[in-house]
C-alpha cells in the first residue's frame, strides 16, 4: 500500500475515520481520507476507544513527540467483522 506519514486526527469523517484517532489532521491525512472515500476503505484503528499508548505508531528521538501515522485500513464491506484494533509500537 504505502507509507503516507498521514495524520487523520480524531475528527470523524463520514464512515471513513472514527472519532478515536490521535492528533491533528495534516495535508497528507486529507489526501489519504480522499483516497479512502474513493476506494470505499475505512481506517479501522480510529473507530475504537483506546488509551493514547494504544493509538500512537511513531515517536520522535528523545520521546518528545508521538503521532498516529499508520492505519489498519479495510474495505467498508467488512466493517462489521472488525471487533477491535490496537497498536503495539516498537522500534523501527
C-alpha atoms as a PDB file:
ATOM      1  CA  UNK A   1       0.000   0.000   0.000  1.00  0.00           C
ATOM      2  CA  UNK A   2       2.167   2.882   1.146  1.00  0.00           C
ATOM      3  CA  UNK A   3       3.892   4.762   3.915  1.00  0.00           C
ATOM      4  CA  UNK A   4       1.994   8.053   3.858  1.00  0.00           C
ATOM      5  CA  UNK A   5       3.010   9.581   7.206  1.00  0.00           C
ATOM      6  CA  UNK A   6      -0.548  10.894   7.302  1.00  0.00           C
ATOM      7  CA  UNK A   7      -2.266  12.209  10.403  1.00  0.00           C
ATOM      8  CA  UNK A   8      -6.056  11.957  10.179  1.00  0.00           C
ATOM      9  CA  UNK A   9      -6.746  13.118  13.738  1.00  0.00           C
ATOM     10  CA  UNK A  10      -9.763  12.489  15.921  1.00  0.00           C
ATOM     11  CA  UNK A  11     -12.444  14.281  13.924  1.00  0.00           C
ATOM     12  CA  UNK A  12     -14.960  11.820  12.454  1.00  0.00           C
ATOM     13  CA  UNK A  13     -15.298  11.823   8.656  1.00  0.00           C
ATOM     14  CA  UNK A  14     -18.425  10.070   7.358  1.00  0.00           C
ATOM     15  CA  UNK A  15     -17.855   6.363   7.871  1.00  0.00           C
ATOM     16  CA  UNK A  16     -14.159   6.550   6.888  1.00  0.00           C
ATOM     17  CA  UNK A  17     -12.463   7.941  10.017  1.00  0.00           C
ATOM     18  CA  UNK A  18     -13.801   7.357  13.527  1.00  0.00           C
ATOM     19  CA  UNK A  19     -13.624   9.835  16.391  1.00  0.00           C
ATOM     20  CA  UNK A  20     -10.836   7.971  18.195  1.00  0.00           C
ATOM     21  CA  UNK A  21      -7.843   8.985  16.088  1.00  0.00           C
ATOM     22  CA  UNK A  22      -4.879  10.782  17.600  1.00  0.00           C
ATOM     23  CA  UNK A  23      -3.540  14.252  16.851  1.00  0.00           C
ATOM     24  CA  UNK A  24      -4.493  16.914  14.335  1.00  0.00           C
ATOM     25  CA  UNK A  25      -5.165  16.168  10.662  1.00  0.00           C
ATOM     26  CA  UNK A  26      -2.472  17.238   8.198  1.00  0.00           C
ATOM     27  CA  UNK A  27      -2.479  17.636   4.398  1.00  0.00           C
ATOM     28  CA  UNK A  28      -1.364  14.046   3.886  1.00  0.00           C
ATOM     29  CA  UNK A  29      -4.216  12.969   6.143  1.00  0.00           C
ATOM     30  CA  UNK A  30      -6.690  14.847   3.935  1.00  0.00           C
ATOM     31  CA  UNK A  31      -5.316  13.129   0.828  1.00  0.00           C
ATOM     32  CA  UNK A  32      -5.463   9.706   2.464  1.00  0.00           C
ATOM     33  CA  UNK A  33      -9.077  10.306   3.503  1.00  0.00           C
ATOM     34  CA  UNK A  34      -9.954  11.298  -0.075  1.00  0.00           C
ATOM     35  CA  UNK A  35      -8.336   8.087  -1.333  1.00  0.00           C
ATOM     36  CA  UNK A  36     -10.300   6.042   1.210  1.00  0.00           C
ATOM     37  CA  UNK A  37     -13.559   7.697   0.153  1.00  0.00           C
ATOM     38  CA  UNK A  38     -12.861   6.911  -3.498  1.00  0.00           C
ATOM     39  CA  UNK A  39     -11.998   3.282  -2.743  1.00  0.00           C
ATOM     40  CA  UNK A  40     -14.599   2.517  -0.024  1.00  0.00           C
ATOM     41  CA  UNK A  41     -11.970   1.974   2.671  1.00  0.00           C
ATOM     42  CA  UNK A  42     -12.196   2.711   6.399  1.00  0.00           C
ATOM     43  CA  UNK A  43      -9.422   3.350   8.910  1.00  0.00           C
ATOM     44  CA  UNK A  44     -10.184   0.646  11.446  1.00  0.00           C
ATOM     45  CA  UNK A  45      -7.994   1.776  14.311  1.00  0.00           C
ATOM     46  CA  UNK A  46      -9.788   5.148  14.530  1.00  0.00           C
ATOM     47  CA  UNK A  47     -13.120   3.542  15.449  1.00  0.00           C
ATOM     48  CA  UNK A  48     -12.230   2.109  18.859  1.00  0.00           C
ATOM     49  CA  UNK A  49     -11.669   3.985  22.097  1.00  0.00           C
ATOM     50  CA  UNK A  50      -8.189   3.157  23.364  1.00  0.00           C
ATOM     51  CA  UNK A  51      -5.711   4.751  25.761  1.00  0.00           C
ATOM     52  CA  UNK A  52      -3.236   7.016  23.908  1.00  0.00           C
ATOM     53  CA  UNK A  53      -0.446   4.433  24.271  1.00  0.00           C
ATOM     54  CA  UNK A  54      -2.517   2.104  22.051  1.00  0.00           C
ATOM     55  CA  UNK A  55      -3.002   4.769  19.373  1.00  0.00           C
ATOM     56  CA  UNK A  56       0.412   6.224  18.564  1.00  0.00           C
ATOM     57  CA  UNK A  57       2.532   4.423  15.972  1.00  0.00           C
ATOM     58  CA  UNK A  58       5.611   6.690  15.858  1.00  0.00           C
ATOM     59  CA  UNK A  59       7.673   8.595  18.407  1.00  0.00           C
ATOM     60  CA  UNK A  60      10.458  11.087  17.881  1.00  0.00           C
ATOM     61  CA  UNK A  61      14.003  10.549  19.087  1.00  0.00           C
ATOM     62  CA  UNK A  62      14.078  11.610  22.711  1.00  0.00           C
ATOM     63  CA  UNK A  63      10.427  10.586  23.103  1.00  0.00           C
ATOM     64  CA  UNK A  64       9.172  14.202  22.867  1.00  0.00           C
ATOM     65  CA  UNK A  65       6.535  13.715  20.163  1.00  0.00           C
ATOM     66  CA  UNK A  66       4.203  10.814  19.460  1.00  0.00           C
ATOM     67  CA  UNK A  67       1.953  10.518  16.414  1.00  0.00           C
ATOM     68  CA  UNK A  68      -0.508   8.136  14.859  1.00  0.00           C
ATOM     69  CA  UNK A  69       0.675   7.817  11.255  1.00  0.00           C
ATOM     70  CA  UNK A  70      -0.136   4.166  10.464  1.00  0.00           C
ATOM     71  CA  UNK A  71      -3.639   2.817   9.980  1.00  0.00           C
ATOM     72  CA  UNK A  72      -5.413  -0.514   9.710  1.00  0.00           C
ATOM     73  CA  UNK A  73      -7.330   0.019   6.505  1.00  0.00           C
ATOM     74  CA  UNK A  74     -10.099  -2.328   5.431  1.00  0.00           C
ATOM     75  CA  UNK A  75     -12.942  -2.370   2.956  1.00  0.00           C
ATOM     76  CA  UNK A  76     -16.205  -0.858   4.190  1.00  0.00           C
ATOM     77  CA  UNK A  77     -17.767  -4.152   3.189  1.00  0.00           C
ATOM     78  CA  UNK A  78     -16.018  -5.879   6.115  1.00  0.00           C
ATOM     79  CA  UNK A  79     -16.541  -3.110   8.713  1.00  0.00           C
ATOM     80  CA  UNK A  80     -18.802  -5.273  10.880  1.00  0.00           C
ATOM     81  CA  UNK A  81     -16.156  -8.010  11.031  1.00  0.00           C
ATOM     82  CA  UNK A  82     -13.708  -5.638  12.748  1.00  0.00           C
ATOM     83  CA  UNK A  83     -14.114  -6.075  16.503  1.00  0.00           C
ATOM     84  CA  UNK A  84     -11.040  -4.286  17.873  1.00  0.00           C
ATOM     85  CA  UNK A  85      -7.881  -2.610  16.607  1.00  0.00           C
ATOM     86  CA  UNK A  86      -4.844  -1.783  18.780  1.00  0.00           C
ATOM     87  CA  UNK A  87      -1.270  -0.846  18.052  1.00  0.00           C
ATOM     88  CA  UNK A  88       1.796  -2.021  19.926  1.00  0.00           C
ATOM     89  CA  UNK A  89       4.534   0.455  19.000  1.00  0.00           C
ATOM     90  CA  UNK A  90       8.142  -0.654  18.929  1.00  0.00           C
ATOM     91  CA  UNK A  91      11.410   0.303  17.297  1.00  0.00           C
ATOM     92  CA  UNK A  92      11.527   0.720  13.509  1.00  0.00           C
END
